[in-house]
Amino acid sequence: MIEVIITPEILSEAKERNDTYYERFGHSGTHRTNKERQRMTGYLAEACIHSEFPEIKYSDDYFVDFILDSSTTIDSKAQGCNTKPLDFYSATLYEEQRNRDTDYYIFSRVKNDFSKTWICGIASKQKFFKIAKLKPAGTKTNNFTYDQSRYEVQYNELGDMYKFIKWHNETRSTI
Protein backbone atom coordinates (compact mmCIF):
# COMPACT_ATOMS: atom_id res chain seq x y z
CA MET A 1 0.00 0.00 0.00
CA ILE A 2 1.41 3.36 -1.05
CA GLU A 3 0.65 6.49 0.97
CA VAL A 4 0.64 9.76 -0.99
CA ILE A 5 0.33 13.13 0.75
CA ILE A 6 -2.07 15.39 -1.14
CA THR A 7 -0.10 18.52 -1.99
CA PRO A 8 -1.65 21.84 -3.10
CA GLU A 9 -0.57 20.93 -6.67
CA ILE A 10 -2.34 17.56 -6.54
CA LEU A 11 -5.45 19.20 -5.05
CA SER A 12 -5.45 21.86 -7.78
CA GLU A 13 -5.02 19.24 -10.54
CA ALA A 14 -7.92 17.17 -9.14
CA LYS A 15 -10.16 20.22 -8.79
CA GLU A 16 -9.45 21.27 -12.38
CA ARG A 17 -10.30 17.78 -13.69
CA ASN A 18 -13.43 17.70 -11.50
CA ASP A 19 -14.60 21.09 -12.80
CA THR A 20 -13.99 20.04 -16.42
CA TYR A 21 -16.02 16.87 -15.92
CA TYR A 22 -18.87 18.76 -14.23
CA GLU A 23 -19.01 21.35 -17.03
CA ARG A 24 -19.36 18.57 -19.57
CA PHE A 25 -21.54 15.98 -17.76
CA GLY A 26 -23.06 17.54 -14.64
CA HIS A 27 -23.80 15.00 -11.92
CA SER A 28 -23.92 11.92 -14.16
CA GLY A 29 -21.79 8.88 -13.37
CA THR A 30 -22.03 8.94 -9.59
CA HIS A 31 -23.91 6.65 -7.22
CA ARG A 32 -24.16 8.60 -3.99
CA THR A 33 -26.03 11.71 -2.89
CA ASN A 34 -22.90 13.85 -2.33
CA LYS A 35 -21.88 13.69 -5.96
CA GLU A 36 -19.41 16.60 -5.91
CA ARG A 37 -17.45 15.05 -3.03
CA GLN A 38 -17.58 11.58 -4.62
CA ARG A 39 -16.19 12.88 -7.92
CA MET A 40 -13.51 14.90 -6.12
CA THR A 41 -12.44 11.78 -4.19
CA GLY A 42 -12.00 9.95 -7.49
CA TYR A 43 -10.05 12.78 -9.09
CA LEU A 44 -7.79 13.12 -6.04
CA ALA A 45 -6.97 9.41 -6.24
CA GLU A 46 -6.21 9.76 -9.95
CA ALA A 47 -3.98 12.82 -9.38
CA CYS A 48 -2.07 10.94 -6.66
CA ILE A 49 -1.62 7.91 -8.92
CA HIS A 50 -0.41 10.16 -11.74
CA SER A 51 2.02 11.99 -9.44
CA GLU A 52 3.47 8.72 -8.10
CA PHE A 53 3.54 6.98 -11.50
CA PRO A 54 4.00 9.66 -14.21
CA GLU A 55 4.27 7.01 -16.92
CA ILE A 56 0.55 6.39 -16.41
CA LYS A 57 -1.13 9.06 -18.53
CA TYR A 58 -4.62 10.46 -18.26
CA SER A 59 -6.95 9.12 -20.93
CA ASP A 60 -8.87 11.43 -23.25
CA ASP A 61 -11.72 8.90 -23.09
CA TYR A 62 -14.14 9.65 -20.23
CA PHE A 63 -14.97 5.95 -19.96
CA VAL A 64 -11.46 4.98 -18.84
CA ASP A 65 -9.20 6.95 -16.51
CA PHE A 66 -5.65 6.10 -17.64
CA ILE A 67 -3.59 4.69 -20.46
CA LEU A 68 -0.19 3.13 -19.86
CA ASP A 69 0.81 2.72 -23.46
CA SER A 70 -1.09 2.80 -26.71
CA SER A 71 -3.20 -0.23 -25.78
CA THR A 72 -3.26 -0.72 -21.98
CA THR A 73 -6.21 0.92 -20.21
CA ILE A 74 -6.64 1.40 -16.47
CA ASP A 75 -9.72 2.42 -14.51
CA SER A 76 -9.27 4.04 -11.10
CA LYS A 77 -11.65 3.16 -8.26
CA ALA A 78 -11.57 5.27 -5.10
CA GLN A 79 -13.42 5.36 -1.82
CA GLY A 80 -13.36 7.90 0.98
CA CYS A 81 -12.19 6.91 4.46
CA ASN A 82 -11.34 8.34 7.87
CA THR A 83 -8.28 6.21 8.64
CA LYS A 84 -5.59 4.26 6.84
CA PRO A 85 -7.17 1.23 5.17
CA LEU A 86 -6.09 -2.19 6.37
CA ASP A 87 -5.08 -5.11 4.16
CA PHE A 88 -8.34 -6.98 4.77
CA TYR A 89 -10.50 -4.02 3.63
CA SER A 90 -12.25 -4.53 0.31
CA ALA A 91 -11.74 -3.20 -3.17
CA THR A 92 -15.22 -2.95 -4.67
CA LEU A 93 -16.87 -2.63 -8.06
CA TYR A 94 -20.58 -2.17 -8.59
CA GLU A 95 -22.13 -5.01 -10.58
CA GLU A 96 -22.89 -2.82 -13.63
CA GLN A 97 -19.19 -1.84 -13.83
CA ARG A 98 -18.30 -5.38 -14.89
CA ASN A 99 -18.91 -4.51 -18.54
CA ARG A 100 -16.53 -1.55 -18.55
CA ASP A 101 -13.93 -1.80 -21.28
CA THR A 102 -10.66 -1.66 -19.32
CA ASP A 103 -7.64 -3.88 -18.85
CA TYR A 104 -6.80 -3.08 -15.20
CA TYR A 105 -8.29 -1.54 -12.07
CA ILE A 106 -6.34 0.50 -9.52
CA PHE A 107 -7.99 0.75 -6.10
CA SER A 108 -7.40 3.67 -3.73
CA ARG A 109 -8.72 5.24 -0.56
CA VAL A 110 -8.78 9.01 -0.05
CA LYS A 111 -8.91 10.42 3.46
CA ASN A 112 -12.14 12.38 3.89
CA ASP A 113 -10.23 15.54 4.85
CA PHE A 114 -8.38 15.29 1.49
CA SER A 115 -4.97 15.16 3.22
CA LYS A 116 -3.72 11.84 1.81
CA THR A 117 -4.47 8.94 -0.48
CA TRP A 118 -3.52 5.30 -0.20
CA ILE A 119 -2.98 3.45 -3.48
CA CYS A 120 -4.08 0.00 -2.32
CA GLY A 121 -3.24 -2.11 -5.36
CA ILE A 122 -3.97 -3.15 -8.91
CA ALA A 123 -5.64 -6.12 -10.60
CA SER A 124 -6.32 -7.07 -14.17
CA LYS A 125 -10.02 -7.09 -14.98
CA GLN A 126 -9.77 -10.83 -15.63
CA LYS A 127 -8.11 -11.57 -12.27
CA PHE A 128 -10.44 -9.29 -10.32
CA PHE A 129 -13.59 -11.04 -11.49
CA LYS A 130 -11.98 -14.47 -11.12
CA ILE A 131 -11.30 -13.95 -7.39
CA ALA A 132 -14.07 -11.48 -6.48
CA LYS A 133 -17.08 -12.34 -4.38
CA LEU A 134 -20.44 -10.93 -5.46
CA LYS A 135 -22.42 -9.33 -2.62
CA PRO A 136 -26.05 -8.98 -3.73
CA ALA A 137 -27.99 -5.82 -2.87
CA GLY A 138 -29.57 -6.21 0.57
CA THR A 139 -26.66 -8.26 1.99
CA LYS A 140 -25.96 -7.28 5.60
CA THR A 141 -22.50 -7.35 7.18
CA ASN A 142 -21.81 -5.84 10.61
CA ASN A 143 -23.56 -2.44 10.57
CA PHE A 144 -23.74 -2.16 6.78
CA THR A 145 -26.43 -3.11 4.26
CA TYR A 146 -25.42 -3.19 0.58
CA ASP A 147 -27.64 -0.81 -1.39
CA GLN A 148 -26.39 -2.21 -4.72
CA SER A 149 -24.84 -5.48 -5.78
CA ARG A 150 -21.06 -5.30 -5.88
CA TYR A 151 -17.96 -7.40 -6.30
CA GLU A 152 -15.33 -7.41 -3.56
CA VAL A 153 -11.67 -8.41 -3.29
CA GLN A 154 -9.53 -7.79 -0.23
CA TYR A 155 -6.64 -5.38 -0.71
CA ASN A 156 -4.12 -8.06 0.26
CA GLU A 157 -5.16 -9.98 -2.89
CA LEU A 158 -4.28 -7.08 -5.21
CA GLY A 159 -0.97 -6.57 -6.97
CA ASP A 160 1.68 -4.08 -5.89
CA MET A 161 1.80 -1.00 -8.15
CA TYR A 162 5.60 -0.73 -8.25
CA LYS A 163 5.91 -4.39 -9.26
CA PHE A 164 3.18 -3.95 -11.87
CA ILE A 165 4.92 -0.98 -13.49
CA LYS A 166 8.25 -2.81 -13.49
CA TRP A 167 6.65 -5.95 -15.00
CA HIS A 168 4.79 -3.90 -17.60
CA ASN A 169 7.91 -2.00 -18.66
CA GLU A 170 9.94 -5.23 -18.93
CA THR A 171 7.32 -7.14 -20.91
CA ARG A 172 6.51 -4.22 -23.24
CA SER A 173 10.18 -3.68 -24.06
CA THR A 174 10.44 -7.24 -25.38
CA ILE A 175 7.44 -6.96 -27.70
C-alpha atoms as a PDB file:
ATOM      1  CA  MET A   1       0.000   0.000   0.000  1.00  0.00           C
ATOM      2  CA  ILE A   2       1.405   3.361  -1.051  1.00  0.00           C
ATOM      3  CA  GLU A   3       0.648   6.487   0.970  1.00  0.00           C
ATOM      4  CA  VAL A   4       0.638   9.757  -0.990  1.00  0.00           C
ATOM      5  CA  ILE A   5       0.328  13.130   0.748  1.00  0.00           C
ATOM      6  CA  ILE A   6      -2.069  15.387  -1.141  1.00  0.00           C
ATOM      7  CA  THR A   7      -0.099  18.524  -1.989  1.00  0.00           C
ATOM      8  CA  PRO A   8      -1.645  21.836  -3.103  1.00  0.00           C
ATOM      9  CA  GLU A   9      -0.574  20.928  -6.673  1.00  0.00           C
ATOM     10  CA  ILE A  10      -2.339  17.565  -6.540  1.00  0.00           C
ATOM     11  CA  LEU A  11      -5.451  19.198  -5.052  1.00  0.00           C
ATOM     12  CA  SER A  12      -5.447  21.855  -7.782  1.00  0.00           C
ATOM     13  CA  GLU A  13      -5.024  19.239 -10.538  1.00  0.00           C
ATOM     14  CA  ALA A  14      -7.919  17.172  -9.143  1.00  0.00           C
ATOM     15  CA  LYS A  15     -10.164  20.221  -8.791  1.00  0.00           C
ATOM     16  CA  GLU A  16      -9.453  21.274 -12.381  1.00  0.00           C
ATOM     17  CA  ARG A  17     -10.296  17.777 -13.691  1.00  0.00           C
ATOM     18  CA  ASN A  18     -13.427  17.697 -11.500  1.00  0.00           C
ATOM     19  CA  ASP A  19     -14.602  21.095 -12.801  1.00  0.00           C
ATOM     20  CA  THR A  20     -13.992  20.045 -16.423  1.00  0.00           C
ATOM     21  CA  TYR A  21     -16.024  16.872 -15.918  1.00  0.00           C
ATOM     22  CA  TYR A  22     -18.866  18.763 -14.227  1.00  0.00           C
ATOM     23  CA  GLU A  23     -19.007  21.348 -17.029  1.00  0.00           C
ATOM     24  CA  ARG A  24     -19.362  18.565 -19.568  1.00  0.00           C
ATOM     25  CA  PHE A  25     -21.540  15.980 -17.759  1.00  0.00           C
ATOM     26  CA  GLY A  26     -23.056  17.539 -14.638  1.00  0.00           C
ATOM     27  CA  HIS A  27     -23.800  14.996 -11.919  1.00  0.00           C
ATOM     28  CA  SER A  28     -23.916  11.917 -14.161  1.00  0.00           C
ATOM     29  CA  GLY A  29     -21.792   8.878 -13.372  1.00  0.00           C
ATOM     30  CA  THR A  30     -22.031   8.943  -9.591  1.00  0.00           C
ATOM     31  CA  HIS A  31     -23.907   6.654  -7.219  1.00  0.00           C
ATOM     32  CA  ARG A  32     -24.161   8.605  -3.986  1.00  0.00           C
ATOM     33  CA  THR A  33     -26.027  11.708  -2.891  1.00  0.00           C
ATOM     34  CA  ASN A  34     -22.900  13.851  -2.326  1.00  0.00           C
ATOM     35  CA  LYS A  35     -21.876  13.687  -5.963  1.00  0.00           C
ATOM     36  CA  GLU A  36     -19.412  16.603  -5.905  1.00  0.00           C
ATOM     37  CA  ARG A  37     -17.448  15.045  -3.027  1.00  0.00           C
ATOM     38  CA  GLN A  38     -17.577  11.585  -4.616  1.00  0.00           C
ATOM     39  CA  ARG A  39     -16.186  12.881  -7.918  1.00  0.00           C
ATOM     40  CA  MET A  40     -13.508  14.898  -6.118  1.00  0.00           C
ATOM     41  CA  THR A  41     -12.442  11.778  -4.189  1.00  0.00           C
ATOM     42  CA  GLY A  42     -11.996   9.954  -7.491  1.00  0.00           C
ATOM     43  CA  TYR A  43     -10.048  12.776  -9.093  1.00  0.00           C
ATOM     44  CA  LEU A  44      -7.794  13.118  -6.037  1.00  0.00           C
ATOM     45  CA  ALA A  45      -6.973   9.406  -6.237  1.00  0.00           C
ATOM     46  CA  GLU A  46      -6.213   9.757  -9.954  1.00  0.00           C
ATOM     47  CA  ALA A  47      -3.984  12.817  -9.384  1.00  0.00           C
ATOM     48  CA  CYS A  48      -2.073  10.943  -6.657  1.00  0.00           C
ATOM     49  CA  ILE A  49      -1.619   7.910  -8.921  1.00  0.00           C
ATOM     50  CA  HIS A  50      -0.414  10.157 -11.739  1.00  0.00           C
ATOM     51  CA  SER A  51       2.024  11.992  -9.440  1.00  0.00           C
ATOM     52  CA  GLU A  52       3.468   8.718  -8.095  1.00  0.00           C
ATOM     53  CA  PHE A  53       3.540   6.982 -11.498  1.00  0.00           C
ATOM     54  CA  PRO A  54       3.998   9.661 -14.205  1.00  0.00           C
ATOM     55  CA  GLU A  55       4.275   7.005 -16.922  1.00  0.00           C
ATOM     56  CA  ILE A  56       0.547   6.389 -16.410  1.00  0.00           C
ATOM     57  CA  LYS A  57      -1.128   9.058 -18.529  1.00  0.00           C
ATOM     58  CA  TYR A  58      -4.623  10.463 -18.261  1.00  0.00           C
ATOM     59  CA  SER A  59      -6.949   9.118 -20.929  1.00  0.00           C
ATOM     60  CA  ASP A  60      -8.874  11.426 -23.248  1.00  0.00           C
ATOM     61  CA  ASP A  61     -11.718   8.902 -23.087  1.00  0.00           C
ATOM     62  CA  TYR A  62     -14.135   9.654 -20.228  1.00  0.00           C
ATOM     63  CA  PHE A  63     -14.967   5.949 -19.961  1.00  0.00           C
ATOM     64  CA  VAL A  64     -11.457   4.977 -18.838  1.00  0.00           C
ATOM     65  CA  ASP A  65      -9.198   6.945 -16.510  1.00  0.00           C
ATOM     66  CA  PHE A  66      -5.653   6.105 -17.642  1.00  0.00           C
ATOM     67  CA  ILE A  67      -3.593   4.685 -20.459  1.00  0.00           C
ATOM     68  CA  LEU A  68      -0.194   3.133 -19.859  1.00  0.00           C
ATOM     69  CA  ASP A  69       0.813   2.718 -23.459  1.00  0.00           C
ATOM     70  CA  SER A  70      -1.094   2.805 -26.711  1.00  0.00           C
ATOM     71  CA  SER A  71      -3.203  -0.227 -25.782  1.00  0.00           C
ATOM     72  CA  THR A  72      -3.264  -0.724 -21.975  1.00  0.00           C
ATOM     73  CA  THR A  73      -6.211   0.915 -20.211  1.00  0.00           C
ATOM     74  CA  ILE A  74      -6.636   1.396 -16.474  1.00  0.00           C
ATOM     75  CA  ASP A  75      -9.717   2.417 -14.507  1.00  0.00           C
ATOM     76  CA  SER A  76      -9.269   4.039 -11.098  1.00  0.00           C
ATOM     77  CA  LYS A  77     -11.654   3.164  -8.263  1.00  0.00           C
ATOM     78  CA  ALA A  78     -11.571   5.268  -5.103  1.00  0.00           C
ATOM     79  CA  GLN A  79     -13.425   5.355  -1.816  1.00  0.00           C
ATOM     80  CA  GLY A  80     -13.363   7.898   0.981  1.00  0.00           C
ATOM     81  CA  CYS A  81     -12.186   6.911   4.456  1.00  0.00           C
ATOM     82  CA  ASN A  82     -11.339   8.343   7.869  1.00  0.00           C
ATOM     83  CA  THR A  83      -8.284   6.207   8.644  1.00  0.00           C
ATOM     84  CA  LYS A  84      -5.591   4.260   6.843  1.00  0.00           C
ATOM     85  CA  PRO A  85      -7.170   1.231   5.167  1.00  0.00           C
ATOM     86  CA  LEU A  86      -6.094  -2.186   6.368  1.00  0.00           C
ATOM     87  CA  ASP A  87      -5.082  -5.113   4.157  1.00  0.00           C
ATOM     88  CA  PHE A  88      -8.341  -6.976   4.772  1.00  0.00           C
ATOM     89  CA  TYR A  89     -10.497  -4.024   3.628  1.00  0.00           C
ATOM     90  CA  SER A  90     -12.250  -4.525   0.309  1.00  0.00           C
ATOM     91  CA  ALA A  91     -11.743  -3.199  -3.173  1.00  0.00           C
ATOM     92  CA  THR A  92     -15.216  -2.951  -4.673  1.00  0.00           C
ATOM     93  CA  LEU A  93     -16.872  -2.630  -8.062  1.00  0.00           C
ATOM     94  CA  TYR A  94     -20.578  -2.174  -8.588  1.00  0.00           C
ATOM     95  CA  GLU A  95     -22.126  -5.008 -10.580  1.00  0.00           C
ATOM     96  CA  GLU A  96     -22.888  -2.824 -13.632  1.00  0.00           C
ATOM     97  CA  GLN A  97     -19.192  -1.842 -13.829  1.00  0.00           C
ATOM     98  CA  ARG A  98     -18.302  -5.385 -14.892  1.00  0.00           C
ATOM     99  CA  ASN A  99     -18.905  -4.505 -18.535  1.00  0.00           C
ATOM    100  CA  ARG A 100     -16.525  -1.551 -18.552  1.00  0.00           C
ATOM    101  CA  ASP A 101     -13.934  -1.800 -21.283  1.00  0.00           C
ATOM    102  CA  THR A 102     -10.659  -1.663 -19.324  1.00  0.00           C
ATOM    103  CA  ASP A 103      -7.636  -3.884 -18.846  1.00  0.00           C
ATOM    104  CA  TYR A 104      -6.797  -3.082 -15.196  1.00  0.00           C
ATOM    105  CA  TYR A 105      -8.289  -1.543 -12.071  1.00  0.00           C
ATOM    106  CA  ILE A 106      -6.337   0.503  -9.519  1.00  0.00           C
ATOM    107  CA  PHE A 107      -7.986   0.752  -6.097  1.00  0.00           C
ATOM    108  CA  SER A 108      -7.397   3.666  -3.728  1.00  0.00           C
ATOM    109  CA  ARG A 109      -8.716   5.235  -0.559  1.00  0.00           C
ATOM    110  CA  VAL A 110      -8.776   9.005  -0.048  1.00  0.00           C
ATOM    111  CA  LYS A 111      -8.912  10.423   3.460  1.00  0.00           C
ATOM    112  CA  ASN A 112     -12.137  12.383   3.887  1.00  0.00           C
ATOM    113  CA  ASP A 113     -10.235  15.544   4.854  1.00  0.00           C
ATOM    114  CA  PHE A 114      -8.377  15.294   1.490  1.00  0.00           C
ATOM    115  CA  SER A 115      -4.969  15.159   3.217  1.00  0.00           C
ATOM    116  CA  LYS A 116      -3.722  11.844   1.811  1.00  0.00           C
ATOM    117  CA  THR A 117      -4.467   8.942  -0.481  1.00  0.00           C
ATOM    118  CA  TRP A 118      -3.520   5.299  -0.196  1.00  0.00           C
ATOM    119  CA  ILE A 119      -2.976   3.447  -3.475  1.00  0.00           C
ATOM    120  CA  CYS A 120      -4.079  -0.002  -2.320  1.00  0.00           C
ATOM    121  CA  GLY A 121      -3.236  -2.105  -5.355  1.00  0.00           C
ATOM    122  CA  ILE A 122      -3.967  -3.146  -8.907  1.00  0.00           C
ATOM    123  CA  ALA A 123      -5.640  -6.119 -10.601  1.00  0.00           C
ATOM    124  CA  SER A 124      -6.325  -7.068 -14.167  1.00  0.00           C
ATOM    125  CA  LYS A 125     -10.016  -7.093 -14.980  1.00  0.00           C
ATOM    126  CA  GLN A 126      -9.768 -10.829 -15.627  1.00  0.00           C
ATOM    127  CA  LYS A 127      -8.108 -11.575 -12.274  1.00  0.00           C
ATOM    128  CA  PHE A 128     -10.439  -9.288 -10.321  1.00  0.00           C
ATOM    129  CA  PHE A 129     -13.586 -11.040 -11.488  1.00  0.00           C
ATOM    130  CA  LYS A 130     -11.984 -14.468 -11.116  1.00  0.00           C
ATOM    131  CA  ILE A 131     -11.305 -13.953  -7.394  1.00  0.00           C
ATOM    132  CA  ALA A 132     -14.072 -11.477  -6.481  1.00  0.00           C
ATOM    133  CA  LYS A 133     -17.080 -12.338  -4.376  1.00  0.00           C
ATOM    134  CA  LEU A 134     -20.437 -10.935  -5.462  1.00  0.00           C
ATOM    135  CA  LYS A 135     -22.416  -9.329  -2.622  1.00  0.00           C
ATOM    136  CA  PRO A 136     -26.051  -8.976  -3.730  1.00  0.00           C
ATOM    137  CA  ALA A 137     -27.989  -5.824  -2.871  1.00  0.00           C
ATOM    138  CA  GLY A 138     -29.566  -6.210   0.569  1.00  0.00           C
ATOM    139  CA  THR A 139     -26.663  -8.259   1.987  1.00  0.00           C
ATOM    140  CA  LYS A 140     -25.964  -7.278   5.600  1.00  0.00           C
ATOM    141  CA  THR A 141     -22.501  -7.349   7.179  1.00  0.00           C
ATOM    142  CA  ASN A 142     -21.806  -5.843  10.612  1.00  0.00           C
ATOM    143  CA  ASN A 143     -23.559  -2.441  10.569  1.00  0.00           C
ATOM    144  CA  PHE A 144     -23.736  -2.157   6.776  1.00  0.00           C
ATOM    145  CA  THR A 145     -26.434  -3.113   4.256  1.00  0.00           C
ATOM    146  CA  TYR A 146     -25.418  -3.190   0.584  1.00  0.00           C
ATOM    147  CA  ASP A 147     -27.637  -0.809  -1.389  1.00  0.00           C
ATOM    148  CA  GLN A 148     -26.390  -2.207  -4.722  1.00  0.00           C
ATOM    149  CA  SER A 149     -24.838  -5.475  -5.776  1.00  0.00           C
ATOM    150  CA  ARG A 150     -21.056  -5.297  -5.884  1.00  0.00           C
ATOM    151  CA  TYR A 151     -17.964  -7.396  -6.305  1.00  0.00           C
ATOM    152  CA  GLU A 152     -15.330  -7.412  -3.564  1.00  0.00           C
ATOM    153  CA  VAL A 153     -11.671  -8.411  -3.291  1.00  0.00           C
ATOM    154  CA  GLN A 154      -9.530  -7.794  -0.225  1.00  0.00           C
ATOM    155  CA  TYR A 155      -6.641  -5.375  -0.709  1.00  0.00           C
ATOM    156  CA  ASN A 156      -4.123  -8.059   0.262  1.00  0.00           C
ATOM    157  CA  GLU A 157      -5.159  -9.975  -2.890  1.00  0.00           C
ATOM    158  CA  LEU A 158      -4.279  -7.082  -5.209  1.00  0.00           C
ATOM    159  CA  GLY A 159      -0.973  -6.566  -6.969  1.00  0.00           C
ATOM    160  CA  ASP A 160       1.682  -4.080  -5.888  1.00  0.00           C
ATOM    161  CA  MET A 161       1.802  -1.003  -8.149  1.00  0.00           C
ATOM    162  CA  TYR A 162       5.602  -0.729  -8.248  1.00  0.00           C
ATOM    163  CA  LYS A 163       5.911  -4.385  -9.255  1.00  0.00           C
ATOM    164  CA  PHE A 164       3.184  -3.953 -11.865  1.00  0.00           C
ATOM    165  CA  ILE A 165       4.916  -0.978 -13.487  1.00  0.00           C
ATOM    166  CA  LYS A 166       8.255  -2.813 -13.491  1.00  0.00           C
ATOM    167  CA  TRP A 167       6.650  -5.945 -14.999  1.00  0.00           C
ATOM    168  CA  HIS A 168       4.791  -3.898 -17.604  1.00  0.00           C
ATOM    169  CA  ASN A 169       7.911  -2.002 -18.658  1.00  0.00           C
ATOM    170  CA  GLU A 170       9.938  -5.225 -18.928  1.00  0.00           C
ATOM    171  CA  THR A 171       7.321  -7.140 -20.908  1.00  0.00           C
ATOM    172  CA  ARG A 172       6.505  -4.219 -23.239  1.00  0.00           C
ATOM    173  CA  SER A 173      10.185  -3.676 -24.055  1.00  0.00           C
ATOM    174  CA  THR A 174      10.441  -7.244 -25.380  1.00  0.00           C
ATOM    175  CA  ILE A 175       7.439  -6.960 -27.702  1.00  0.00           C
END
